[in-house]
Amino acid sequence: VFDELIGRFVLVLVLVLVLENLEPLSNPRTRTSTRTSTI
């Protein structure tokens, strides 16, 4: 179960990194809003 949680956490981190890298190219404003909402 612990390994499953770590795996999901890593997947979420990767998704966040990808979104942060892609969003600024199209909409920098959405990037800041998503960052504040995720925190």
N, C-alpha and C. Protein backbone atom coordinates (compact mmCIF):
# COMPACT_ATOMS: atom_id res chain seq x y z
N VAL A 1 0.85 -1.20 0.00
CA VAL A 1 0.00 0.00 0.00
C VAL A 1 0.88 1.24 0.00
N PHE A 2 1.96 1.21 0.78
CA PHE A 2 2.85 2.38 0.86
C PHE A 2 3.48 2.66 -0.50
N ASP A 3 3.89 1.59 -1.19
CA ASP A 3 4.48 1.77 -2.51
C ASP A 3 3.46 2.36 -3.48
N GLU A 4 2.20 1.99 -3.31
CA GLU A 4 1.15 2.53 -4.19
C GLU A 4 1.02 4.03 -4.01
N LEU A 5 1.07 4.47 -2.76
CA LEU A 5 0.96 5.91 -2.49
C LEU A 5 2.13 6.65 -3.11
N ILE A 6 3.33 6.10 -2.98
CA ILE A 6 4.51 6.75 -3.56
C ILE A 6 4.37 6.81 -5.08
N GLY A 7 3.90 5.75 -5.69
CA GLY A 7 3.72 5.72 -7.14
C GLY A 7 2.74 6.78 -7.59
N ARG A 8 1.64 6.93 -6.88
CA ARG A 8 0.64 7.95 -7.25
C ARG A 8 1.22 9.34 -7.05
N PHE A 9 1.97 9.52 -5.98
CA PHE A 9 2.57 10.83 -5.70
C PHE A 9 3.52 11.22 -6.82
N VAL A 10 4.33 10.26 -7.27
CA VAL A 10 5.28 10.53 -8.37
C VAL A 10 4.52 10.88 -9.65
N LEU A 11 3.43 10.16 -9.92
CA LEU A 11 2.64 10.45 -11.12
C LEU A 11 2.08 11.86 -11.07
N VAL A 12 1.58 12.26 -9.91
CA VAL A 12 1.03 13.61 -9.77
C VAL A 12 2.12 14.65 -9.99
N LEU A 13 3.31 14.41 -9.42
CA LEU A 13 4.42 15.35 -9.60
C LEU A 13 4.77 15.50 -11.07
N VAL A 14 4.83 14.38 -11.78
CA VAL A 14 5.16 14.43 -13.21
C VAL A 14 4.10 15.21 -13.98
N LEU A 15 2.83 14.97 -13.66
CA LEU A 15 1.76 15.69 -14.35
C LEU A 15 1.85 17.18 -14.10
N VAL A 16 2.13 17.56 -12.85
CA VAL A 16 2.25 18.99 -12.52
C VAL A 16 3.41 19.62 -13.27
N LEU A 17 4.54 18.91 -13.32
CA LEU A 17 5.70 19.45 -14.04
C LEU A 17 5.39 19.63 -15.51
N VAL A 18 4.72 18.66 -16.11
CA VAL A 18 4.38 18.75 -17.54
C VAL A 18 3.44 19.92 -17.78
N LEU A 19 2.43 20.05 -16.92
CA LEU A 19 1.47 21.15 -17.09
C LEU A 19 2.16 22.50 -16.93
N GLU A 20 3.06 22.60 -15.96
CA GLU A 20 3.76 23.87 -15.74
C GLU A 20 4.63 24.21 -16.94
N ASN A 21 5.15 23.20 -17.61
CA ASN A 21 6.01 23.45 -18.77
C ASN A 21 5.19 23.79 -20.01
N LEU A 22 3.97 23.25 -20.12
CA LEU A 22 3.16 23.47 -21.32
C LEU A 22 2.29 24.72 -21.21
N GLU A 23 1.70 24.96 -20.05
CA GLU A 23 0.75 26.07 -19.90
C GLU A 23 1.35 27.45 -20.17
N PRO A 24 2.55 27.76 -19.66
CA PRO A 24 3.11 29.10 -19.89
C PRO A 24 3.21 29.45 -21.37
N LEU A 25 3.37 28.45 -22.21
CA LEU A 25 3.49 28.72 -23.64
C LEU A 25 2.18 29.27 -24.19
N SER A 26 1.06 28.81 -23.65
CA SER A 26 -0.24 29.25 -24.15
C SER A 26 -0.83 30.35 -23.25
N ASN A 27 -0.96 30.06 -21.95
CA ASN A 27 -1.57 31.02 -21.03
C ASN A 27 -0.78 31.10 -19.73
N PRO A 28 0.03 32.13 -19.55
CA PRO A 28 0.79 32.28 -18.30
C PRO A 28 -0.12 32.55 -17.11
N ARG A 29 -1.28 33.17 -17.35
CA ARG A 29 -2.19 33.48 -16.24
C ARG A 29 -2.76 32.21 -15.62
N THR A 30 -3.12 31.25 -16.46
CA THR A 30 -3.70 30.00 -15.96
C THR A 30 -2.68 29.25 -15.12
N ARG A 31 -1.40 29.40 -15.46
CA ARG A 31 -0.36 28.69 -14.72
C ARG A 31 -0.32 29.16 -13.27
N THR A 32 -0.39 30.47 -13.05
CA THR A 32 -0.34 31.00 -11.70
C THR A 32 -1.58 30.58 -10.92
N SER A 33 -2.75 30.57 -11.57
CA SER A 33 -3.99 30.21 -10.90
C SER A 33 -3.97 28.74 -10.50
N THR A 34 -3.45 27.88 -11.39
CA THR A 34 -3.41 26.45 -11.07
C THR A 34 -2.42 26.19 -9.94
N ARG A 35 -1.32 26.94 -9.92
CA ARG A 35 -0.33 26.75 -8.86
C ARG A 35 -0.93 27.07 -7.49
N THR A 36 -1.66 28.18 -7.39
CA THR A 36 -2.24 28.57 -6.11
C THR A 36 -3.32 27.58 -5.69
N SER A 37 -4.06 27.03 -6.63
CA SER A 37 -5.14 26.10 -6.29
C SER A 37 -4.58 24.76 -5.82
N THR A 38 -3.45 24.34 -6.41
CA THR A 38 -2.89 23.05 -6.03
C THR A 38 -2.26 23.11 -4.64
N ILE A 39 -1.72 24.26 -4.26
CA ILE A 39 -1.06 24.38 -2.96
C ILE A 39 -2.10 24.33 -1.84
